[in-house]
Amino acid sequence: MKKSLLLIGIALAGTTLASKAENKVYVFDTLGIIGGVSDNGKYAAVTDDEQYIAYIWDAANPGVLEDITMEGEPDAPASQRPVFTTAMDVSDDGIVVGSIGFADLYQYPAYYKDGEWNLLPIAPDASYTNEAVCITPDGTVIAGYQHVKPKASSTDGTSRGQYFPCQWFLQEDGSYELKMYNEIKLPDHQGFFPMTQTPDGKVIGGYVFAGFGSMLNALIVEGELVMFDELSTFKDCLEYKGKYFTGYDENGRQTWTEDINDPNIVWHEKTLINGYYDGSRGEESMMNGFFTNCDDNGNLYGARSYVTNIKDDYDGDVTDCAVIYNYLTNTWYNEEATNFFSAGIGEELIFTGTGEVIEGNNVSDVKEAYEITSDYTINGISKISSDGKTLAGVASDINPATGEYEYYPFIIQVDGALNGTPEIVGSPKNGLVIATQGRIEVLNADNVAVYDLNGSLVSTDKVTEVSAGVYVVKADDASYKIVVK
């Protein structure tokens, strides 16, 4: 497997993977999809998306999924009668976020705490579909989406509703205050869908729809939209056998002209993604990009599509890659051998969308690597704790009555995982200092100096092997104190 020396994940190279001989595996016969795992590994959120039942998994009682679906009175008015519940993520102290759907078809973002569900505030013009998707480990920031009208016009000036990201911030009185990000300009399509959030709540990762029907990687960084693809437009018209469509006559019949300069030709605008038209060959020409998970060190895991050999008709060759993007260092790691990365810790522990686990340079099947004994097909790991010791994934089986797949959650408690999680200080602009076991690395700084607490100069190299202790690191004009274990 190729390695990128630019990623912060390389700082994990000195860590070790302990034996998995005592792993505890729980494969449930209850239908459900893993929504999230708490960073401390104590909880997991699960949704049966066929029956819309919500569950919480608690490490204190690991063989059980507790049903936390919101209940209501069957005779209550439609707007007060819940008919489904989703559980999308969970904090370190067991706060579950998701949504409640009512019989009047409205879906409200909500959180579950102390045995009850609470609705989160929504925008005044929010429509039927709204959901909370992520929560920070400390429970102070919740991220999600709402279908609202934009404050700013979208790329073509439309004012219709779109899905916009939002966050709710915990207040002193225990309530959550809503912050909508509908002032950003989105492509003229469905909108932005969050999938993950950094532990500090400053970055939301997910995807936007654009072009004919492509999904493109996107972030919200402290309220600002960040995209990695350039969008432009071109004019096109309907052409058939050398003739161009001009509309309909008084009898409703189509009219055509051979003159390309005819002012009556009906032109319509199409979107190009990096100069490529993604509707040229139907679904096979669509691009697929998203961020589905992040670790503590700025790495976002997901997929991205690249287009080469763009032709005069805007068609081209699409290559799908699994990717890790580090937003702190603005660096990418691409892997064409698999369709997407679902989760990981740096580059040292990565899970793929094809059911594999990559540990350093070793690639193995998840079922074999963690000794999962189940008759179900093990599809892979979708969510993990921040230390890689609690893993959650999806298994599947074919229902003989319908011939369709059914999905089941499973949890693995790993005996031994990555040790020595890096400590990171600084910023991409002023220099990043990364400390792992016996090592200090400095990125994005020209002048480096490492001192011990006695003030003695230890090194001026950007990578320094050191003993355990506390050090002062100068990165250009900034100074940081950092602990090396």
Protein backbone atom coordinates (compact mmCIF):
# COMPACT_ATOMS: atom_id res chain seq x y z
CA MET A 1 0.00 0.00 0.00
CA LYS A 2 1.34 3.43 -0.93
CA LYS A 3 2.26 5.84 1.85
CA SER A 4 1.94 9.61 1.93
CA LEU A 5 4.69 11.24 4.00
CA LEU A 6 2.66 14.43 4.22
CA LEU A 7 -0.15 13.11 6.35
CA ILE A 8 -0.15 13.58 10.09
CA GLY A 9 -0.97 9.89 10.30
CA ILE A 10 2.69 9.12 9.61
CA ALA A 11 3.39 10.28 13.16
CA LEU A 12 1.80 7.05 14.31
CA ALA A 13 4.53 4.96 12.69
CA GLY A 14 6.21 4.30 16.02
CA THR A 15 3.08 2.92 17.69
CA THR A 16 2.32 -0.77 17.99
CA LEU A 17 -0.71 -2.98 17.55
CA ALA A 18 -1.29 -5.36 20.40
CA SER A 19 -2.66 -8.88 20.11
CA LYS A 20 -6.35 -9.27 19.38
CA ALA A 21 -6.52 -12.72 20.97
CA GLU A 22 -9.04 -11.62 23.63
CA ASN A 23 -11.37 -9.62 21.41
CA LYS A 24 -15.04 -9.65 22.43
CA VAL A 25 -17.44 -9.77 19.50
CA TYR A 26 -21.19 -9.10 19.67
CA VAL A 27 -23.20 -9.79 16.51
CA PHE A 28 -26.85 -8.91 17.03
CA ASP A 29 -29.87 -10.58 15.44
CA THR A 30 -31.73 -7.28 15.69
CA LEU A 31 -31.93 -5.39 12.40
CA GLY A 32 -30.03 -2.12 12.43
CA ILE A 33 -27.31 0.14 11.07
CA ILE A 34 -24.57 1.64 13.24
CA GLY A 35 -24.99 5.41 13.46
CA GLY A 36 -22.03 6.28 15.67
CA VAL A 37 -19.66 5.20 18.43
CA SER A 38 -18.69 7.47 21.30
CA ASP A 39 -15.05 8.55 21.31
CA ASN A 40 -14.46 6.80 24.63
CA GLY A 41 -15.94 3.55 23.27
CA LYS A 42 -18.61 3.24 25.96
CA TYR A 43 -21.67 3.71 23.73
CA ALA A 44 -22.95 3.13 20.20
CA ALA A 45 -26.04 4.44 18.42
CA VAL A 46 -28.03 2.09 16.16
CA THR A 47 -31.07 2.57 13.91
CA ASP A 48 -33.30 -0.07 12.35
CA ASP A 49 -33.98 1.95 9.20
CA GLU A 50 -36.74 -0.42 8.04
CA GLN A 51 -38.90 -0.21 11.15
CA TYR A 52 -37.37 3.09 12.35
CA ILE A 53 -36.46 1.83 15.80
CA ALA A 54 -33.60 3.49 17.71
CA TYR A 55 -31.18 1.65 20.01
CA ILE A 56 -28.27 2.47 22.27
CA TRP A 57 -25.45 0.02 23.01
CA ASP A 58 -23.78 0.34 26.41
CA ALA A 59 -20.39 -1.27 27.11
CA ALA A 60 -21.59 -1.92 30.66
CA ASN A 61 -24.12 -4.38 29.22
CA PRO A 62 -22.49 -5.26 25.87
CA GLY A 63 -24.71 -8.13 24.78
CA VAL A 64 -27.87 -5.98 24.67
CA LEU A 65 -29.25 -3.25 22.41
CA GLU A 66 -31.59 -1.03 24.43
CA ASP A 67 -34.65 0.20 22.54
CA ILE A 68 -34.88 3.98 23.01
CA THR A 69 -37.53 4.64 20.37
CA MET A 70 -39.75 7.56 21.32
CA GLU A 71 -43.24 6.45 22.30
CA GLY A 72 -46.45 8.43 22.13
CA GLU A 73 -50.16 8.17 22.63
CA PRO A 74 -51.85 6.39 19.70
CA ASP A 75 -54.78 8.82 19.82
CA ALA A 76 -52.64 11.96 19.93
CA PRO A 77 -52.87 14.49 17.06
CA ALA A 78 -50.66 13.67 14.06
CA SER A 79 -48.23 16.47 14.89
CA GLN A 80 -47.70 14.97 18.38
CA ARG A 81 -47.72 11.26 17.51
CA PRO A 82 -44.19 9.88 16.84
CA VAL A 83 -43.98 7.16 14.22
CA PHE A 84 -40.22 6.70 13.88
CA THR A 85 -36.94 7.45 15.65
CA THR A 86 -33.36 7.52 14.37
CA ALA A 87 -30.11 7.32 16.38
CA MET A 88 -27.17 8.76 14.44
CA ASP A 89 -24.39 9.40 16.98
CA VAL A 90 -23.64 9.36 20.70
CA SER A 91 -21.44 11.38 23.08
CA ASP A 92 -19.02 10.09 25.71
CA ASP A 93 -21.71 10.35 28.40
CA GLY A 94 -24.43 8.64 26.37
CA ILE A 95 -26.31 11.55 24.74
CA VAL A 96 -27.79 10.16 21.51
CA VAL A 97 -28.63 12.46 18.59
CA GLY A 98 -30.94 11.68 15.70
CA SER A 99 -34.50 12.57 14.81
CA ILE A 100 -38.15 12.00 15.61
CA GLY A 101 -40.67 11.60 12.81
CA PHE A 102 -44.32 12.40 13.50
CA ALA A 103 -47.51 11.25 11.80
CA ASP A 104 -47.90 14.64 10.10
CA LEU A 105 -44.72 13.74 8.13
CA TYR A 106 -42.50 16.30 9.89
CA GLN A 107 -39.07 15.00 10.97
CA TYR A 108 -37.45 16.93 13.81
CA PRO A 109 -33.81 16.82 14.98
CA ALA A 110 -33.65 15.53 18.52
CA TYR A 111 -31.40 14.24 21.30
CA TYR A 112 -31.88 11.52 23.91
CA LYS A 113 -30.62 12.20 27.42
CA ASP A 114 -31.48 10.82 30.85
CA GLY A 115 -34.08 8.46 29.42
CA GLU A 116 -36.07 10.91 27.30
CA TRP A 117 -36.03 12.53 23.87
CA ASN A 118 -35.85 16.29 23.44
CA LEU A 119 -36.58 18.15 20.21
CA LEU A 120 -33.92 20.55 18.96
CA PRO A 121 -34.90 23.97 17.61
CA ILE A 122 -35.41 24.31 13.86
CA ALA A 123 -35.42 27.30 11.51
CA PRO A 124 -38.79 29.08 11.04
CA ASP A 125 -38.89 28.11 7.37
CA ALA A 126 -37.68 24.52 7.83
CA SER A 127 -39.66 21.99 5.82
CA TYR A 128 -40.43 18.35 6.56
CA THR A 129 -36.99 16.70 6.70
CA ASN A 130 -34.48 17.72 9.41
CA GLU A 131 -32.04 15.61 11.44
CA ALA A 132 -29.18 15.73 13.92
CA VAL A 133 -26.26 13.63 12.70
CA CYS A 134 -23.18 14.15 14.93
CA ILE A 135 -22.32 15.18 18.49
CA THR A 136 -18.97 16.14 19.99
CA PRO A 137 -17.54 13.82 22.68
CA ASP A 138 -18.37 16.32 25.43
CA GLY A 139 -21.91 16.85 24.12
CA THR A 140 -21.53 20.62 23.63
CA VAL A 141 -21.95 20.77 19.83
CA ILE A 142 -24.45 18.87 17.68
CA ALA A 143 -24.33 18.98 13.87
CA GLY A 144 -27.06 18.14 11.39
CA TYR A 145 -29.06 19.44 8.46
CA GLN A 146 -32.34 21.21 7.75
CA HIS A 147 -34.26 21.84 4.55
CA VAL A 148 -34.64 25.61 4.38
CA LYS A 149 -34.44 28.47 1.90
CA PRO A 150 -30.97 29.98 1.37
CA LYS A 151 -30.13 33.42 2.72
CA ALA A 152 -27.83 33.90 -0.26
CA SER A 153 -28.80 32.93 -3.80
CA SER A 154 -27.40 29.66 -5.08
CA THR A 155 -25.24 29.46 -8.17
CA ASP A 156 -28.12 30.09 -10.58
CA GLY A 157 -30.03 32.56 -8.43
CA THR A 158 -32.74 30.15 -7.32
CA SER A 159 -34.43 30.72 -3.98
CA ARG A 160 -36.03 27.31 -3.55
CA GLY A 161 -35.25 25.27 -0.45
CA GLN A 162 -32.14 23.12 -0.11
CA TYR A 163 -30.56 20.98 2.60
CA PHE A 164 -28.19 23.15 4.62
CA PRO A 165 -25.85 22.15 7.45
CA CYS A 166 -26.43 23.48 10.91
CA GLN A 167 -25.13 23.16 14.46
CA TRP A 168 -26.65 23.42 17.91
CA PHE A 169 -24.49 24.79 20.75
CA LEU A 170 -25.07 23.88 24.39
CA GLN A 171 -26.07 26.84 26.56
CA GLU A 172 -25.59 27.40 30.30
CA ASP A 173 -29.23 26.54 31.02
CA GLY A 174 -28.84 23.12 29.34
CA SER A 175 -30.65 24.06 26.12
CA TYR A 176 -29.15 24.04 22.64
CA GLU A 177 -29.00 27.14 20.45
CA LEU A 178 -29.34 26.74 16.67
CA LYS A 179 -26.84 28.11 14.15
CA MET A 180 -27.92 27.71 10.50
CA TYR A 181 -25.37 27.86 7.67
CA ASN A 182 -27.83 28.74 4.92
CA GLU A 183 -25.86 31.86 3.98
CA ILE A 184 -23.37 29.71 2.09
CA LYS A 185 -23.76 29.39 -1.69
CA LEU A 186 -24.43 25.80 -2.70
CA PRO A 187 -24.64 24.28 -6.18
CA ASP A 188 -28.13 24.26 -7.64
CA HIS A 189 -29.06 20.81 -6.40
CA GLN A 190 -30.32 19.07 -3.26
CA GLY A 191 -27.80 20.60 -0.87
CA PHE A 192 -25.18 19.73 1.75
CA PHE A 193 -25.43 16.54 3.82
CA PRO A 194 -23.20 16.24 6.94
CA MET A 195 -21.74 12.84 7.82
CA THR A 196 -19.09 13.62 10.43
CA GLN A 197 -17.83 16.35 12.75
CA THR A 198 -14.42 16.96 14.33
CA PRO A 199 -14.23 16.43 18.12
CA ASP A 200 -14.03 20.19 18.72
CA GLY A 201 -17.06 20.88 16.52
CA LYS A 202 -15.17 23.34 14.30
CA VAL A 203 -15.38 21.28 11.10
CA ILE A 204 -18.33 19.42 9.56
CA GLY A 205 -17.56 16.89 6.84
CA GLY A 206 -19.91 15.41 4.28
CA TYR A 207 -20.90 15.97 0.67
CA VAL A 208 -22.85 18.24 -1.64
CA PHE A 209 -24.84 17.27 -4.70
CA ALA A 210 -23.73 19.05 -7.88
CA GLY A 211 -23.88 18.81 -11.65
CA PHE A 212 -26.29 16.28 -13.10
CA GLY A 213 -26.25 14.05 -10.04
CA SER A 214 -22.74 13.79 -8.57
CA MET A 215 -21.70 13.83 -4.92
CA LEU A 216 -18.67 16.02 -4.13
CA ASN A 217 -16.52 16.25 -1.00
CA ALA A 218 -17.35 19.27 1.13
CA LEU A 219 -16.58 20.76 4.53
CA ILE A 220 -17.97 23.48 6.73
CA VAL A 221 -14.96 25.02 8.50
CA GLU A 222 -16.04 27.39 11.24
CA GLY A 223 -19.15 28.25 9.25
CA GLU A 224 -17.51 28.60 5.82
CA LEU A 225 -18.11 26.20 2.91
CA VAL A 226 -14.98 24.46 1.58
CA MET A 227 -15.16 22.51 -1.68
CA PHE A 228 -12.39 20.90 -3.70
CA ASP A 229 -13.89 20.93 -7.19
CA GLU A 230 -14.43 23.86 -9.54
CA LEU A 231 -17.93 24.33 -10.93
CA SER A 232 -18.74 26.16 -14.14
CA THR A 233 -21.60 26.17 -16.67
CA PHE A 234 -22.15 25.85 -20.39
CA LYS A 235 -25.13 26.27 -22.72
CA ASP A 236 -26.55 23.20 -24.44
CA CYS A 237 -29.54 22.40 -26.61
CA LEU A 238 -31.41 19.32 -27.82
CA GLU A 239 -29.94 18.11 -31.13
CA TYR A 240 -31.27 15.29 -33.33
CA LYS A 241 -29.97 14.31 -36.77
CA GLY A 242 -28.40 17.70 -37.37
CA LYS A 243 -31.45 19.65 -36.23
CA TYR A 244 -31.94 21.78 -33.13
CA PHE A 245 -35.07 21.96 -30.96
CA THR A 246 -36.88 25.32 -31.05
CA GLY A 247 -40.04 24.53 -29.09
CA TYR A 248 -43.65 23.74 -30.05
CA ASP A 249 -46.04 25.14 -32.63
CA GLU A 250 -49.68 26.11 -32.08
CA ASN A 251 -50.73 22.48 -32.46
CA GLY A 252 -48.30 21.27 -29.80
CA ARG A 253 -45.89 19.69 -32.28
CA GLN A 254 -42.13 19.98 -31.84
CA THR A 255 -40.31 22.43 -34.07
CA TRP A 256 -36.70 22.09 -35.22
CA THR A 257 -34.17 24.09 -37.19
CA GLU A 258 -30.94 23.30 -39.02
CA ASP A 259 -29.55 26.76 -38.31
CA ILE A 260 -27.42 26.70 -35.17
CA ASN A 261 -27.73 30.51 -35.04
CA ASP A 262 -31.53 30.48 -35.00
CA PRO A 263 -32.59 32.69 -32.03
CA ASN A 264 -35.56 30.39 -31.34
CA ILE A 265 -33.35 27.46 -30.31
CA VAL A 266 -34.13 26.41 -26.73
CA TRP A 267 -30.88 26.60 -24.76
CA HIS A 268 -30.46 25.32 -21.24
CA GLU A 269 -27.59 25.60 -18.81
CA LYS A 270 -25.59 22.61 -17.63
CA THR A 271 -22.98 22.39 -14.88
CA LEU A 272 -19.39 21.27 -15.40
CA ILE A 273 -17.31 19.80 -12.57
CA ASN A 274 -13.64 20.61 -13.24
CA GLY A 275 -14.57 20.93 -16.91
CA TYR A 276 -16.41 17.58 -16.97
CA TYR A 277 -20.11 16.95 -17.58
CA ASP A 278 -21.25 14.19 -15.24
CA GLY A 279 -24.50 13.46 -17.11
CA SER A 280 -22.88 12.30 -20.33
CA ARG A 281 -23.35 8.55 -19.74
CA GLY A 282 -26.00 8.30 -17.05
CA GLU A 283 -25.16 6.84 -13.65
CA GLU A 284 -21.80 5.46 -14.72
CA SER A 285 -20.54 8.98 -15.38
CA MET A 286 -21.46 10.32 -11.92
CA MET A 287 -18.75 11.36 -9.48
CA ASN A 288 -18.77 10.04 -5.91
CA GLY A 289 -17.14 12.00 -3.10
CA PHE A 290 -17.83 12.27 0.63
CA PHE A 291 -16.27 12.37 4.11
CA THR A 292 -17.84 9.83 6.44
CA ASN A 293 -15.58 9.84 9.53
CA CYS A 294 -12.71 11.74 11.15
CA ASP A 295 -10.07 11.03 13.76
CA ASP A 296 -8.59 13.25 16.48
CA ASN A 297 -5.72 14.43 14.30
CA GLY A 298 -7.43 16.19 11.42
CA ASN A 299 -7.83 13.18 9.12
CA LEU A 300 -11.17 12.78 7.32
CA TYR A 301 -11.97 9.41 5.71
CA GLY A 302 -14.12 8.80 2.67
CA ALA A 303 -14.08 8.72 -1.12
CA ARG A 304 -13.39 11.02 -4.04
CA SER A 305 -13.66 10.85 -7.84
CA TYR A 306 -11.11 12.22 -10.29
CA VAL A 307 -11.66 12.83 -14.01
CA THR A 308 -8.97 12.62 -16.69
CA ASN A 309 -8.89 12.75 -20.49
CA ILE A 310 -11.71 15.31 -20.75
CA LYS A 311 -12.92 15.52 -24.35
CA ASP A 312 -14.46 18.30 -26.44
CA ASP A 313 -17.95 17.09 -25.51
CA TYR A 314 -17.02 17.41 -21.81
CA ASP A 315 -16.99 13.63 -21.29
CA GLY A 316 -14.00 11.94 -19.64
CA ASP A 317 -12.65 9.03 -17.63
CA VAL A 318 -13.82 8.81 -14.00
CA THR A 319 -11.60 7.16 -11.36
CA ASP A 320 -13.03 6.48 -7.90
CA CYS A 321 -10.62 6.48 -4.95
CA ALA A 322 -10.68 5.90 -1.24
CA VAL A 323 -9.21 9.00 0.39
CA ILE A 324 -7.90 10.47 3.60
CA TYR A 325 -7.86 14.25 3.70
CA ASN A 326 -6.12 16.12 6.50
CA TYR A 327 -7.73 19.53 6.83
CA LEU A 328 -4.94 20.81 9.10
CA THR A 329 -2.21 20.22 6.53
CA ASN A 330 -4.41 20.33 3.38
CA THR A 331 -3.00 17.01 2.16
CA TRP A 332 -4.63 14.04 0.43
CA TYR A 333 -3.88 10.33 0.45
CA ASN A 334 -5.57 8.40 -2.38
CA GLU A 335 -6.02 4.65 -2.79
CA GLU A 336 -7.61 3.30 -5.98
CA ALA A 337 -7.61 -0.32 -4.78
CA THR A 338 -10.79 0.16 -2.72
CA ASN A 339 -13.97 2.21 -3.07
CA PHE A 340 -13.79 4.19 0.19
CA PHE A 341 -12.25 4.39 3.64
CA SER A 342 -14.90 4.22 6.33
CA ALA A 343 -12.84 5.07 9.44
CA GLY A 344 -9.34 5.05 10.82
CA ILE A 345 -6.60 6.43 13.05
CA GLY A 346 -4.04 8.17 10.86
CA GLU A 347 -2.71 5.77 8.25
CA GLU A 348 -1.75 3.14 10.78
CA LEU A 349 -5.25 1.71 11.27
CA ILE A 350 -7.74 2.06 8.40
CA PHE A 351 -11.03 0.33 7.59
CA THR A 352 -12.25 0.07 4.00
CA GLY A 353 -15.65 0.00 2.36
CA THR A 354 -14.88 -3.51 1.08
CA GLY A 355 -14.62 -5.10 4.53
CA GLU A 356 -10.87 -4.91 5.08
CA VAL A 357 -8.67 -3.61 7.87
CA ILE A 358 -5.28 -2.09 7.07
CA GLU A 359 -2.79 -2.15 9.93
CA GLY A 360 0.45 -0.55 8.81
CA ASN A 361 1.39 -2.46 5.68
CA ASN A 362 -0.83 -5.46 6.47
CA VAL A 363 -4.21 -5.83 4.77
CA SER A 364 -6.67 -8.45 6.04
CA ASP A 365 -10.37 -9.28 6.05
CA VAL A 366 -12.23 -7.86 9.07
CA LYS A 367 -13.96 -11.17 9.80
CA GLU A 368 -10.67 -13.04 9.94
CA ALA A 369 -8.66 -10.29 11.63
CA TYR A 370 -11.07 -10.05 14.56
CA GLU A 371 -12.14 -13.71 14.57
CA ILE A 372 -15.83 -13.01 14.04
CA THR A 373 -17.80 -16.25 14.14
CA SER A 374 -21.12 -15.54 12.46
CA ASP A 375 -23.14 -16.96 9.60
CA TYR A 376 -23.83 -13.43 8.43
CA THR A 377 -21.72 -11.74 5.78
CA ILE A 378 -19.45 -9.23 7.53
CA ASN A 379 -19.55 -6.11 5.36
CA GLY A 380 -17.04 -4.07 7.35
CA ILE A 381 -16.40 -1.56 10.09
CA SER A 382 -18.24 1.76 9.83
CA LYS A 383 -17.57 3.55 13.14
CA ILE A 384 -14.79 3.36 15.75
CA SER A 385 -13.82 4.93 19.07
CA SER A 386 -10.96 7.44 19.08
CA ASP A 387 -8.47 4.85 20.38
CA GLY A 388 -9.58 2.08 18.01
CA LYS A 389 -10.61 -0.23 20.86
CA THR A 390 -14.35 -0.22 20.15
CA LEU A 391 -15.32 -1.05 16.57
CA ALA A 392 -18.83 -1.13 15.14
CA GLY A 393 -19.92 -2.42 11.78
CA VAL A 394 -22.60 -3.96 9.65
CA ALA A 395 -23.33 -7.58 8.77
CA SER A 396 -25.86 -8.75 6.21
CA ASP A 397 -27.98 -11.71 5.20
CA ILE A 398 -30.53 -12.38 2.46
CA ASN A 399 -34.13 -12.69 3.57
CA PRO A 400 -35.34 -15.90 1.88
CA ALA A 401 -38.91 -14.61 1.72
CA THR A 402 -38.09 -11.37 -0.13
CA GLY A 403 -34.70 -12.13 -1.67
CA GLU A 404 -33.43 -8.80 -0.34
CA TYR A 405 -30.55 -8.03 2.00
CA GLU A 406 -31.16 -7.36 5.67
CA TYR A 407 -28.54 -5.62 7.80
CA TYR A 408 -27.42 -6.35 11.36
CA PRO A 409 -25.09 -4.41 13.67
CA PHE A 410 -22.07 -5.85 15.42
CA ILE A 411 -19.66 -4.48 18.04
CA ILE A 412 -16.06 -5.51 18.71
CA GLN A 413 -14.22 -4.68 21.91
CA VAL A 414 -10.56 -4.96 21.00
CA ASP A 415 -8.04 -6.23 23.55
CA GLY A 416 -5.13 -4.02 22.59
CA ALA A 417 -5.16 -1.32 19.95
CA LEU A 418 -3.12 1.67 18.92
CA ASN A 419 -1.15 3.15 21.78
CA GLY A 420 0.53 6.53 21.87
CA THR A 421 -2.09 8.73 20.23
CA PRO A 422 -0.29 11.90 19.03
CA GLU A 423 -0.54 15.21 20.82
CA ILE A 424 -0.85 18.10 18.37
CA VAL A 425 -0.40 21.82 19.05
CA GLY A 426 -0.18 24.83 16.77
CA SER A 427 -2.01 25.54 13.54
CA PRO A 428 -1.44 25.00 9.81
CA LYS A 429 -0.58 28.69 9.41
CA ASN A 430 1.89 28.98 12.31
CA GLY A 431 3.34 25.47 12.32
CA LEU A 432 2.02 22.16 13.61
CA VAL A 433 3.93 20.31 16.32
CA ILE A 434 3.18 16.60 16.67
CA ALA A 435 4.40 14.50 19.58
CA THR A 436 4.25 10.70 19.57
CA GLN A 437 6.13 8.15 21.61
CA GLY A 438 9.78 9.27 21.58
CA ARG A 439 9.34 11.65 18.65
CA ILE A 440 8.63 15.30 17.82
CA GLU A 441 7.69 16.35 14.28
CA VAL A 442 7.09 19.91 13.04
CA LEU A 443 5.08 20.70 9.90
CA ASN A 444 4.60 23.96 7.99
CA ALA A 445 7.49 25.83 9.60
CA ASP A 446 10.83 26.89 8.08
CA ASN A 447 12.76 27.40 11.32
CA VAL A 448 12.56 24.83 14.10
CA ALA A 449 14.17 24.62 17.54
CA VAL A 450 13.45 22.04 20.26
CA TYR A 451 14.46 22.83 23.87
CA ASP A 452 14.22 20.82 27.07
CA LEU A 453 12.87 22.40 30.27
CA ASN A 454 16.39 23.45 31.27
CA GLY A 455 16.55 25.65 28.19
CA SER A 456 19.12 23.48 26.44
CA LEU A 457 18.81 23.19 22.65
CA VAL A 458 17.97 19.60 21.74
CA SER A 459 17.55 19.85 17.97
CA THR A 460 16.82 22.12 15.01
CA ASP A 461 15.51 19.30 12.83
CA LYS A 462 11.89 19.02 11.78
CA VAL A 463 11.84 15.40 13.02
CA THR A 464 13.55 14.67 16.33
CA GLU A 465 13.82 11.47 18.35
CA VAL A 466 13.64 12.36 22.07
CA SER A 467 13.18 10.79 25.47
CA ALA A 468 9.91 11.05 27.35
CA GLY A 469 9.41 14.45 28.92
CA VAL A 470 8.23 18.02 28.41
CA TYR A 471 9.74 20.15 25.64
CA VAL A 472 9.42 23.66 24.26
CA VAL A 473 9.26 23.79 20.47
CA LYS A 474 9.75 26.93 18.38
CA ALA A 475 8.11 26.80 14.97
CA ASP A 476 9.10 30.01 13.16
CA ASP A 477 7.81 32.80 15.45
CA ALA A 478 5.53 30.63 17.61
CA SER A 479 6.47 28.63 20.72
CA TYR A 480 4.66 25.60 22.15
CA LYS A 481 5.04 23.36 25.18
CA ILE A 482 4.40 19.72 24.39
CA VAL A 483 4.57 16.40 26.26
CA VAL A 484 6.35 13.38 24.77
CA LYS A 485 5.50 9.98 26.24
